[in-house]
Amino acid sequence: MRRLVLHIGANKTGTSAIQRFCNSRRASLAAAGVLYPAAGCSGEAHYRLSDAFGFGHGAGSADDRRAQQDVIRAALAAELAETAAGLVIFSSENFVLYGSVAEVREFFRDFDVRVIVYVRRHDSWWPSAWNQSVRHAVAPKWGPGLDAYVAFQRDVNPRYGDWRRLVDRWAGVFGKAAVIVRPYERAQIAPDIVSDFFRQIGRPELAAAAAPAVNASLDAWSLQMIDIARHADIAPEARERIVAYTLRHPRGGAPYVPSAEQARRFVEPFLADYDYLAREYLGRADGQLFHEPLPPPAGGQAGSVAPSAEEVMAWTLRALTADAPASR
């Protein structure tokens, strides 16, 4: 049986870096006996594959999904017929959504499958997810600020970010021994996520010495400036000019850091789950999934400072006049 690695995410844990590395090095990976299939790909990731099992945000009918599975199955068979690769890698972070894991298992029944998932501590994961959403959501459905974003996501899908439920759901179908859980924490994946990924699947020699960053977070000041613009009661054209200008001219500096109170509020509901994952899937008797210390219950970490009213006004005028024609 060919070995198959199914990388299911989670989102904001370096998935894009892994996907870009594999997609851009298809030929060299194939020469080393590793196939990153074009079958099921959309862009650099296998979103068509995850969609075919109902893991997309707008899943089609059961008949549509079966038809798509047949297309991918035929395309994969054609690729496999042309290679002697003993290892196949598929990657889509949409597999953290709620499609049919059983259908995935049946689809890959002729392979020796390992499922790998990276999980991130919530005081780091929520700000990173918010950072990406602020940059890309033209008309956000949540209010301004990180807390409003988290509250909205939890209301829409209370299971979003529930790593224990996610991991157990896949282990319940593929078996616990087939699931690889990795903490997404700098010290534990050093030197980078791509190197750690290939270490975990038994091919460490294939990773680059230093994988380039992908989807790097925007600095805290610029992020909050865009968030203010997204929710401002101004003309849409003006709003988009402010956003575009800020993205072109970020102030720079550290990414957004939640306050100590926010960080503990994000993490504390999941402490028992971290302990469970560490013991059950990583064999850590001490229950330590993440090594970085939590902020103290009071004091300490103050969080990122938002732009002042004067800064917002000055930046808005600068953005709105930056490309304006000179007056005569």
Protein backbone atom coordinates (compact mmCIF):
# COMPACT_ATOMS: atom_id res chain seq x y z
CA MET A 1 0.00 0.00 0.00
CA ARG A 2 1.21 3.48 -0.78
CA ARG A 3 1.60 5.79 2.20
CA LEU A 4 -0.64 8.85 2.17
CA VAL A 5 -0.40 11.93 4.39
CA LEU A 6 -3.54 14.02 4.75
CA HIS A 7 -2.69 17.43 6.19
CA ILE A 8 -5.95 18.86 7.55
CA GLY A 9 -4.75 22.18 9.03
CA ALA A 10 -5.74 23.81 11.25
CA ASN A 11 -6.02 27.25 9.72
CA LYS A 12 -3.48 29.85 10.89
CA THR A 13 -0.90 27.20 11.68
CA GLY A 14 1.39 27.60 8.68
CA THR A 15 -0.78 25.62 6.25
CA SER A 16 -0.14 28.08 3.40
CA ALA A 17 3.63 27.74 3.86
CA ILE A 18 3.42 23.94 3.62
CA GLN A 19 1.12 24.13 0.60
CA ARG A 20 3.28 26.65 -1.23
CA PHE A 21 6.41 24.62 -0.58
CA CYS A 22 4.84 21.41 -1.90
CA ASN A 23 3.09 23.06 -4.84
CA SER A 24 6.19 24.95 -6.00
CA ARG A 25 8.43 21.88 -5.70
CA ARG A 26 6.24 19.23 -7.30
CA ALA A 27 8.97 18.09 -9.68
CA SER A 28 11.75 17.80 -7.08
CA LEU A 29 9.40 16.06 -4.64
CA ALA A 30 8.35 13.60 -7.34
CA ALA A 31 12.01 12.87 -8.05
CA ALA A 32 12.38 12.05 -4.35
CA GLY A 33 9.41 9.67 -4.40
CA VAL A 34 6.75 12.06 -3.09
CA LEU A 35 3.62 13.03 -5.03
CA TYR A 36 1.76 16.28 -4.30
CA PRO A 37 -1.17 15.61 -6.63
CA ALA A 38 -2.69 18.10 -9.01
CA ALA A 39 -5.87 16.06 -8.57
CA GLY A 40 -8.23 17.88 -6.20
CA CYS A 41 -6.11 21.05 -6.20
CA SER A 42 -7.43 24.59 -6.36
CA GLY A 43 -4.54 27.01 -6.33
CA GLU A 44 -1.85 25.62 -4.05
CA ALA A 45 -4.09 23.51 -1.79
CA HIS A 46 -6.52 20.62 -2.25
CA TYR A 47 -9.71 22.57 -1.70
CA ARG A 48 -11.57 20.66 -4.42
CA LEU A 49 -10.78 17.47 -2.52
CA SER A 50 -12.12 18.77 0.79
CA ASP A 51 -15.17 20.24 -1.01
CA ALA A 52 -15.90 16.83 -2.50
CA PHE A 53 -16.52 15.46 1.01
CA GLY A 54 -18.64 18.38 2.21
CA PHE A 55 -15.90 20.27 4.05
CA GLY A 56 -16.36 23.49 2.06
CA HIS A 57 -18.24 26.57 3.20
CA GLY A 58 -20.87 25.99 0.50
CA ALA A 59 -21.06 22.23 0.06
CA GLY A 60 -23.04 20.96 -2.92
CA SER A 61 -25.53 18.11 -3.04
CA ALA A 62 -24.56 14.53 -2.27
CA ASP A 63 -24.76 13.70 -5.99
CA ASP A 64 -22.50 16.64 -6.86
CA ARG A 65 -19.98 15.57 -4.24
CA ARG A 66 -19.93 11.97 -5.48
CA ALA A 67 -19.42 13.17 -9.04
CA GLN A 68 -16.52 15.36 -7.91
CA GLN A 69 -15.02 12.43 -6.00
CA ASP A 70 -15.14 10.33 -9.17
CA VAL A 71 -13.34 13.06 -11.12
CA ILE A 72 -10.61 13.34 -8.49
CA ARG A 73 -10.28 9.55 -8.17
CA ALA A 74 -9.71 9.20 -11.92
CA ALA A 75 -7.23 12.09 -12.01
CA LEU A 76 -5.31 10.71 -9.03
CA ALA A 77 -5.16 7.25 -10.61
CA ALA A 78 -3.72 8.77 -13.77
CA GLU A 79 -1.03 10.61 -11.80
CA LEU A 80 -0.15 7.53 -9.78
CA ALA A 81 0.18 5.47 -12.95
CA GLU A 82 2.92 7.81 -14.14
CA THR A 83 5.04 7.80 -10.98
CA ALA A 84 6.78 5.37 -8.67
CA ALA A 85 6.22 7.68 -5.70
CA GLY A 86 5.68 5.77 -2.49
CA LEU A 87 4.28 8.74 -0.56
CA VAL A 88 1.31 10.96 -1.46
CA ILE A 89 0.57 14.29 0.28
CA PHE A 90 -2.78 16.09 0.26
CA SER A 91 -3.35 19.35 2.14
CA SER A 92 -6.46 21.44 2.85
CA GLU A 93 -7.20 23.33 6.05
CA ASN A 94 -10.91 23.15 5.19
CA PHE A 95 -10.84 19.60 6.57
CA VAL A 96 -11.23 21.21 10.01
CA LEU A 97 -14.82 21.99 8.99
CA TYR A 98 -17.62 19.45 9.34
CA GLY A 99 -17.85 17.15 6.34
CA SER A 100 -17.83 13.37 6.18
CA VAL A 101 -14.65 11.87 7.63
CA ALA A 102 -16.03 8.39 6.90
CA GLU A 103 -16.26 9.22 3.19
CA VAL A 104 -12.65 10.37 3.22
CA ARG A 105 -11.59 7.08 4.80
CA GLU A 106 -13.49 5.09 2.19
CA PHE A 107 -12.05 7.17 -0.65
CA PHE A 108 -8.50 6.41 0.53
CA ARG A 109 -9.13 2.79 1.53
CA ASP A 110 -6.27 1.55 -0.68
CA PHE A 111 -3.71 3.74 1.10
CA ASP A 112 -1.87 3.58 4.40
CA VAL A 113 -3.12 6.94 5.71
CA ARG A 114 -1.69 9.29 8.32
CA VAL A 115 -3.64 12.40 9.27
CA ILE A 116 -1.57 15.35 10.53
CA VAL A 117 -3.01 18.40 12.26
CA TYR A 118 -1.33 21.42 13.86
CA VAL A 119 -3.11 23.09 16.77
CA ARG A 120 -2.40 26.58 18.11
CA ARG A 121 -2.99 28.01 21.56
CA HIS A 122 -6.11 30.15 21.49
CA ASP A 123 -4.57 33.39 22.75
CA SER A 124 -2.38 33.26 19.65
CA TRP A 125 -4.84 31.61 17.25
CA TRP A 126 -7.78 34.00 17.71
CA PRO A 127 -5.73 37.19 17.07
CA SER A 128 -4.16 35.60 13.98
CA ALA A 129 -7.56 34.57 12.59
CA TRP A 130 -8.92 38.07 13.32
CA ASN A 131 -5.90 39.63 11.62
CA GLN A 132 -6.62 37.76 8.40
CA SER A 133 -10.35 38.44 8.54
CA VAL A 134 -9.90 42.18 9.09
CA ARG A 135 -7.68 42.39 6.04
CA HIS A 136 -10.02 40.50 3.73
CA ALA A 137 -13.62 40.96 4.96
CA VAL A 138 -15.05 43.86 2.93
CA ALA A 139 -18.28 43.95 4.93
CA PRO A 140 -17.59 42.22 8.27
CA LYS A 141 -20.61 40.79 10.06
CA TRP A 142 -19.02 41.32 13.47
CA GLY A 143 -18.40 44.51 15.38
CA PRO A 144 -15.06 46.30 15.81
CA GLY A 145 -12.34 44.73 17.91
CA LEU A 146 -11.03 41.24 18.60
CA ASP A 147 -13.62 40.42 21.27
CA ALA A 148 -16.48 41.14 18.89
CA TYR A 149 -14.91 38.91 16.25
CA VAL A 150 -14.45 36.00 18.68
CA ALA A 151 -18.00 36.36 20.01
CA PHE A 152 -19.39 36.29 16.46
CA GLN A 153 -17.42 33.19 15.48
CA ARG A 154 -18.44 31.34 18.63
CA ASP A 155 -22.07 32.24 18.06
CA VAL A 156 -22.03 31.07 14.43
CA ASN A 157 -20.14 27.85 15.17
CA PRO A 158 -19.53 27.01 18.85
CA ARG A 159 -17.23 24.15 17.78
CA TYR A 160 -14.88 26.43 15.85
CA GLY A 161 -11.41 26.07 17.35
CA ASP A 162 -12.36 23.03 19.45
CA TRP A 163 -9.17 21.06 18.85
CA ARG A 164 -10.12 18.10 21.02
CA ARG A 165 -13.39 17.53 19.17
CA LEU A 166 -11.60 17.93 15.83
CA VAL A 167 -8.83 15.46 16.61
CA ASP A 168 -11.11 12.88 18.24
CA ARG A 169 -13.49 13.04 15.26
CA TRP A 170 -10.73 12.07 12.83
CA ALA A 171 -9.20 9.53 15.23
CA GLY A 172 -12.62 7.94 15.65
CA VAL A 173 -12.59 7.01 11.96
CA PHE A 174 -8.91 6.54 11.11
CA GLY A 175 -7.76 5.31 14.53
CA LYS A 176 -5.73 7.19 17.12
CA ALA A 177 -2.45 5.70 15.88
CA ALA A 178 -3.03 7.25 12.44
CA VAL A 179 -3.42 10.82 13.73
CA ILE A 180 -0.38 13.05 14.29
CA VAL A 181 -1.02 16.07 16.52
CA ARG A 182 1.56 18.86 16.54
CA PRO A 183 1.54 21.99 18.73
CA TYR A 184 2.03 25.07 16.57
CA GLU A 185 4.50 26.87 18.78
CA ARG A 186 7.79 28.38 17.59
CA ALA A 187 10.07 26.41 19.89
CA GLN A 188 8.34 23.11 19.11
CA ILE A 189 8.43 23.40 15.31
CA ALA A 190 11.89 24.99 14.96
CA PRO A 191 13.31 26.04 12.62
CA ASP A 192 10.00 26.39 10.77
CA ILE A 193 6.70 24.73 9.98
CA VAL A 194 7.83 23.14 6.70
CA SER A 195 10.81 21.47 8.35
CA ASP A 196 8.61 20.15 11.16
CA PHE A 197 6.02 18.82 8.71
CA PHE A 198 8.56 16.78 6.78
CA ARG A 199 10.12 15.53 10.02
CA GLN A 200 6.75 14.25 11.18
CA ILE A 201 6.07 12.36 7.95
CA GLY A 202 9.51 10.76 7.96
CA ARG A 203 11.19 12.74 5.18
CA PRO A 204 13.16 15.49 6.97
CA GLU A 205 15.73 15.73 4.17
CA LEU A 206 13.13 17.23 1.82
CA ALA A 207 12.53 20.45 3.76
CA ALA A 208 14.25 23.69 2.86
CA ALA A 209 16.66 25.16 5.39
CA ALA A 210 14.36 28.15 5.86
CA ALA A 211 10.86 28.27 4.44
CA PRO A 212 9.61 31.77 3.51
CA ALA A 213 6.78 33.24 5.57
CA VAL A 214 3.35 33.17 3.95
CA ASN A 215 0.34 35.27 5.02
CA ALA A 216 2.38 37.13 7.62
CA SER A 217 0.29 39.09 10.12
CA LEU A 218 -0.15 42.82 9.72
CA ASP A 219 1.33 44.97 12.49
CA ALA A 220 -0.98 45.90 15.38
CA TRP A 221 -1.37 49.61 14.61
CA SER A 222 -2.17 49.11 10.91
CA LEU A 223 -4.52 46.22 11.70
CA GLN A 224 -6.56 48.33 14.11
CA MET A 225 -6.59 51.24 11.66
CA ILE A 226 -8.11 48.97 9.02
CA ASP A 227 -10.59 47.61 11.56
CA ILE A 228 -11.70 51.17 12.38
CA ALA A 229 -12.11 51.94 8.66
CA ARG A 230 -14.06 48.73 8.03
CA HIS A 231 -16.66 49.78 10.60
CA ALA A 232 -16.70 53.52 9.91
CA ASP A 233 -19.94 55.11 8.71
CA ILE A 234 -18.42 56.57 5.56
CA ALA A 235 -18.81 56.07 1.81
CA PRO A 236 -17.64 52.60 0.68
CA GLU A 237 -15.21 54.14 -1.81
CA ALA A 238 -13.54 56.17 0.94
CA ARG A 239 -13.40 53.12 3.22
CA GLU A 240 -11.67 51.01 0.60
CA ARG A 241 -9.17 53.78 -0.17
CA ILE A 242 -8.18 53.92 3.50
CA VAL A 243 -7.85 50.13 3.68
CA ALA A 244 -5.85 49.90 0.45
CA TYR A 245 -3.55 52.74 1.49
CA THR A 246 -2.88 51.13 4.87
CA LEU A 247 -2.09 47.79 3.27
CA ARG A 248 0.34 49.51 0.90
CA HIS A 249 1.94 51.54 3.68
CA PRO A 250 1.81 49.51 6.93
CA ARG A 251 3.35 51.27 9.88
CA GLY A 252 5.36 48.19 10.81
CA GLY A 253 6.18 46.73 14.18
CA ALA A 254 4.90 43.79 16.19
CA PRO A 255 1.63 42.00 15.38
CA TYR A 256 -1.42 42.42 17.57
CA VAL A 257 -1.05 41.12 21.13
CA PRO A 258 -4.16 40.56 23.27
CA SER A 259 -4.23 41.85 26.81
CA ALA A 260 -3.47 39.45 29.66
CA GLU A 261 -7.17 39.38 30.53
CA GLN A 262 -8.15 38.56 26.94
CA ALA A 263 -5.45 35.91 26.62
CA ARG A 264 -6.57 34.03 29.71
CA ARG A 265 -10.20 34.31 28.68
CA PHE A 266 -9.39 32.74 25.32
CA VAL A 267 -7.25 29.95 26.78
CA GLU A 268 -8.88 28.89 30.05
CA PRO A 269 -11.91 27.10 28.51
CA PHE A 270 -9.48 24.79 26.68
CA LEU A 271 -6.90 23.98 29.36
CA ALA A 272 -8.38 20.56 30.03
CA ASP A 273 -8.42 19.86 26.28
CA TYR A 274 -4.75 20.80 25.95
CA ASP A 275 -3.95 18.37 28.76
CA TYR A 276 -6.00 15.63 27.08
CA LEU A 277 -4.35 16.07 23.67
CA ALA A 278 -0.87 16.11 25.20
CA ARG A 279 -1.46 12.88 27.10
CA GLU A 280 -3.55 10.95 24.57
CA TYR A 281 -1.88 11.91 21.29
CA LEU A 282 1.65 13.02 22.17
CA GLY A 283 2.24 10.65 25.09
CA ARG A 284 3.24 13.50 27.42
CA ALA A 285 2.65 12.40 30.98
CA ASP A 286 2.86 15.98 32.25
CA GLY A 287 -0.07 17.08 30.04
CA GLN A 288 1.91 20.01 28.60
CA LEU A 289 0.76 20.64 25.03
CA PHE A 290 2.21 24.15 24.84
CA HIS A 291 5.36 25.31 26.62
CA GLU A 292 5.06 29.09 26.56
CA PRO A 293 3.81 30.43 29.92
CA LEU A 294 0.37 31.98 30.20
CA PRO A 295 0.08 35.66 31.11
CA PRO A 296 -0.45 36.23 34.83
CA PRO A 297 -4.07 36.50 36.04
CA ALA A 298 -3.68 40.21 36.65
CA GLY A 299 -1.25 42.85 35.45
CA GLY A 300 1.65 42.10 33.14
CA GLN A 301 0.85 42.03 29.47
CA ALA A 302 -1.17 45.14 28.56
CA GLY A 303 -2.12 44.37 24.97
CA SER A 304 -1.66 46.42 21.80
CA VAL A 305 -2.39 50.16 21.81
CA ALA A 306 -4.99 51.32 19.29
CA PRO A 307 -4.51 54.42 17.10
CA SER A 308 -5.58 57.61 18.86
CA ALA A 309 -8.36 59.82 17.49
CA GLU A 310 -5.76 62.29 16.22
CA GLU A 311 -3.84 59.51 14.48
CA VAL A 312 -7.01 58.16 12.88
CA MET A 313 -7.90 61.61 11.53
CA ALA A 314 -4.41 62.31 10.19
CA TRP A 315 -4.10 58.87 8.60
CA THR A 316 -7.55 59.11 7.01
CA LEU A 317 -6.74 62.46 5.41
CA ARG A 318 -3.42 61.13 4.19
CA ALA A 319 -5.06 58.05 2.67
CA LEU A 320 -7.86 59.99 0.97
CA THR A 321 -5.53 62.57 -0.54
CA ALA A 322 -2.57 60.35 -1.39
CA ASP A 323 -3.57 59.75 -4.99
CA ALA A 324 -5.67 62.86 -5.52
CA PRO A 325 -4.68 65.11 -8.45
CA ALA A 326 -2.93 68.33 -7.52
CA SER A 327 -5.28 71.35 -7.36
CA ARG A 328 -4.76 74.19 -9.83
